[in-house]
């Protein structure tokens, strides 16, 4: 069973059951981030054989807003993987990469990205909650790194992601 989603560019994408399992782990990591006082984002890096190589959560509470999990995984991959193995890897993430993370992903030469919620969805939710816009414009991954295969969002995970952000920003 698969779920169909749409990227910010309107292109039909498919997130399959194996992807959903990895995205659930991303949501668990996002929950860990929230419990640690961070914004709720989590990411998992797997190799071409679907083995988990690394995972991380948001770590921006100390004031360093570059400590996104997607950026950390790109740096980990650059230090620990060959260019060929990076190209065959997939990064799963609770939220679509920001421009900084998309650029890091592209520069390091990682393969596919699968996300649960798009930056467009998140921007809309944050606006509804009265959260001021971020200092960096949210752009679709494909605009920043056009050669990356991008899949998402996963509609069945939308409520879980939205609830995490409501807890973060509204204390619900």
Protein backbone atom coordinates (compact mmCIF):
# COMPACT_ATOMS: atom_id res chain seq x y z
CA UNK A 1 0.00 0.00 0.00
CA UNK A 2 1.37 3.44 -0.94
CA UNK A 3 0.39 6.97 -0.26
CA UNK A 4 0.52 9.64 -2.93
CA UNK A 5 1.85 13.08 -2.07
CA UNK A 6 2.78 16.23 -3.88
CA UNK A 7 5.98 18.25 -3.74
CA UNK A 8 5.93 22.03 -3.58
CA UNK A 9 6.37 21.94 -7.35
CA UNK A 10 3.12 19.98 -7.77
CA UNK A 11 4.89 16.84 -9.01
CA UNK A 12 3.26 13.59 -7.92
CA UNK A 13 5.50 11.58 -5.62
CA UNK A 14 5.03 8.26 -3.88
CA UNK A 15 6.00 7.40 -0.34
CA UNK A 16 5.84 3.63 0.17
CA UNK A 17 5.35 1.54 3.32
CA UNK A 18 9.10 1.13 3.93
CA UNK A 19 9.47 4.91 3.65
CA UNK A 20 6.63 5.39 6.12
CA UNK A 21 8.42 3.18 8.65
CA UNK A 22 11.52 5.39 8.40
CA UNK A 23 9.40 8.54 8.60
CA UNK A 24 7.82 7.25 11.82
CA UNK A 25 11.32 7.07 13.29
CA UNK A 26 11.88 10.68 12.18
CA UNK A 27 8.74 11.66 14.09
CA UNK A 28 10.10 9.87 17.19
CA UNK A 29 13.32 11.88 16.85
CA UNK A 30 11.29 15.07 16.41
CA UNK A 31 9.47 14.20 19.64
CA UNK A 32 12.86 13.73 21.36
CA UNK A 33 13.90 17.17 20.10
CA UNK A 34 10.72 18.72 21.46
CA UNK A 35 11.21 17.06 24.85
CA UNK A 36 14.77 18.45 24.92
CA UNK A 37 13.49 21.99 24.31
CA UNK A 38 14.15 22.10 20.58
CA UNK A 39 11.89 22.55 17.59
CA UNK A 40 10.51 19.16 16.48
CA UNK A 41 12.58 17.87 13.59
CA UNK A 42 14.25 14.48 13.16
CA UNK A 43 16.12 12.74 10.35
CA UNK A 44 17.51 9.32 9.47
CA UNK A 45 20.23 8.41 6.93
CA UNK A 46 20.09 4.96 5.33
CA UNK A 47 22.36 3.33 2.78
CA UNK A 48 21.39 1.70 -0.50
CA UNK A 49 20.75 -1.57 1.38
CA UNK A 50 18.30 0.21 3.73
CA UNK A 51 20.63 0.02 6.73
CA UNK A 52 20.40 2.93 9.15
CA UNK A 53 23.79 4.65 9.21
CA UNK A 54 23.04 7.70 11.34
CA UNK A 55 20.17 9.67 12.79
CA UNK A 56 19.81 13.00 14.53
CA UNK A 57 17.31 15.51 15.84
CA UNK A 58 17.14 19.28 15.91
CA UNK A 59 19.62 20.88 18.32
CA UNK A 60 19.05 24.62 17.92
CA UNK A 61 17.96 25.42 21.50
CA UNK A 62 21.46 26.67 22.33
CA UNK A 63 21.04 29.47 19.78
CA UNK A 64 22.97 27.90 16.86
CA UNK A 65 20.22 27.73 14.26
CA UNK A 66 22.41 25.76 11.85
CA UNK A 67 22.18 22.61 13.97
CA UNK A 68 19.49 20.98 11.87
CA UNK A 69 19.52 17.16 11.71
CA UNK A 70 19.63 17.13 7.88
CA UNK A 71 22.74 19.32 7.92
CA UNK A 72 24.37 17.11 10.57
CA UNK A 73 23.65 13.99 8.51
CA UNK A 74 25.14 15.60 5.37
CA UNK A 75 28.32 16.38 7.32
CA UNK A 76 28.39 12.86 8.79
CA UNK A 77 28.02 11.39 5.29
CA UNK A 78 30.86 13.53 3.91
CA UNK A 79 33.15 12.29 6.68
CA UNK A 80 32.12 8.62 6.71
CA UNK A 81 30.89 7.57 3.26
CA UNK A 82 32.39 7.31 -0.21
CA UNK A 83 30.89 9.47 -2.97
CA UNK A 84 29.26 6.38 -4.53
CA UNK A 85 27.70 5.25 -1.27
CA UNK A 86 26.42 8.78 -0.59
CA UNK A 87 24.75 8.84 -4.01
CA UNK A 88 22.87 5.62 -3.16
CA UNK A 89 21.76 6.82 0.27
CA UNK A 90 18.39 8.22 1.35
CA UNK A 91 17.71 10.89 3.95
CA UNK A 92 14.34 10.59 5.65
CA UNK A 93 13.13 13.61 7.54
CA UNK A 94 10.11 14.82 9.43
CA UNK A 95 10.09 18.14 7.55
CA UNK A 96 11.27 19.13 4.10
CA UNK A 97 14.85 20.42 4.05
CA UNK A 98 15.35 24.15 4.45
CA UNK A 99 17.56 25.84 1.81
CA UNK A 100 20.69 25.43 3.99
CA UNK A 101 20.11 21.69 4.42
CA UNK A 102 19.12 21.16 0.78
CA UNK A 103 22.36 22.85 -0.30
CA UNK A 104 24.42 20.69 2.08
CA UNK A 105 22.66 17.57 0.78
CA UNK A 106 23.43 18.60 -2.81
CA UNK A 107 27.06 19.58 -2.17
CA UNK A 108 27.78 16.29 -0.36
CA UNK A 109 26.15 14.28 -3.16
CA UNK A 110 23.56 12.42 -1.13
CA UNK A 111 20.80 10.60 -2.99
CA UNK A 112 17.08 10.69 -2.39
CA UNK A 113 15.18 12.76 0.20
CA UNK A 114 11.86 11.58 1.65
CA UNK A 115 9.96 13.94 3.95
CA UNK A 116 6.77 13.71 6.01
CA UNK A 117 5.65 17.37 5.81
CA UNK A 118 6.58 20.03 3.27
CA UNK A 119 8.02 23.43 4.05
CA UNK A 120 4.88 24.88 2.46
CA UNK A 121 2.69 22.98 4.93
CA UNK A 122 4.88 24.01 7.86
CA UNK A 123 4.88 27.66 6.81
CA UNK A 124 1.09 27.63 6.67
CA UNK A 125 0.78 26.01 10.09
CA UNK A 126 3.21 28.46 11.67
CA UNK A 127 1.39 31.40 10.12
CA UNK A 128 -1.93 30.08 11.51
CA UNK A 129 -0.28 29.91 14.95
CA UNK A 130 1.03 33.47 14.71
CA UNK A 131 4.68 32.42 14.66
CA UNK A 132 6.86 35.05 12.95
CA UNK A 133 8.41 33.92 9.65
CA UNK A 134 11.93 32.47 9.67
CA UNK A 135 14.81 34.71 8.57
CA UNK A 136 15.41 32.42 5.55
CA UNK A 137 12.73 31.97 2.91
CA UNK A 138 11.42 28.40 2.65
CA UNK A 139 12.14 27.07 -0.82
CA UNK A 140 11.31 23.68 -2.30
CA UNK A 141 14.34 21.37 -2.28
CA UNK A 142 14.19 21.13 -6.08
CA UNK A 143 14.78 24.88 -6.38
CA UNK A 144 17.98 24.70 -4.32
CA UNK A 145 19.29 21.30 -5.51
CA UNK A 146 17.46 20.42 -8.74
CA UNK A 147 19.05 17.01 -9.36
CA UNK A 148 17.93 15.40 -6.10
CA UNK A 149 15.08 12.88 -6.10
CA UNK A 150 12.50 14.21 -3.62
CA UNK A 151 9.47 12.33 -2.33
CA UNK A 152 6.79 13.58 0.03
CA UNK A 153 4.82 14.71 1.80
CA UNK A 154 3.18 11.73 3.48
CA UNK A 155 -0.46 12.75 4.08
CA UNK A 156 -1.06 10.11 6.75
CA UNK A 157 1.67 11.69 8.92
CA UNK A 158 0.50 15.30 8.53
CA UNK A 159 -1.53 15.37 11.77
CA UNK A 160 1.32 13.96 13.85
CA UNK A 161 3.77 16.56 12.51
CA UNK A 162 1.29 19.39 12.92
CA UNK A 163 0.59 18.36 16.55
CA UNK A 164 4.32 18.42 17.36
CA UNK A 165 4.61 21.97 16.02
CA UNK A 166 1.50 23.07 17.93
CA UNK A 167 3.03 21.67 21.13
CA UNK A 168 6.29 23.47 20.36
CA UNK A 169 4.82 26.88 19.58
CA UNK A 170 1.52 26.91 21.47
CA UNK A 171 2.28 24.55 24.34
CA UNK A 172 -0.69 22.32 23.47
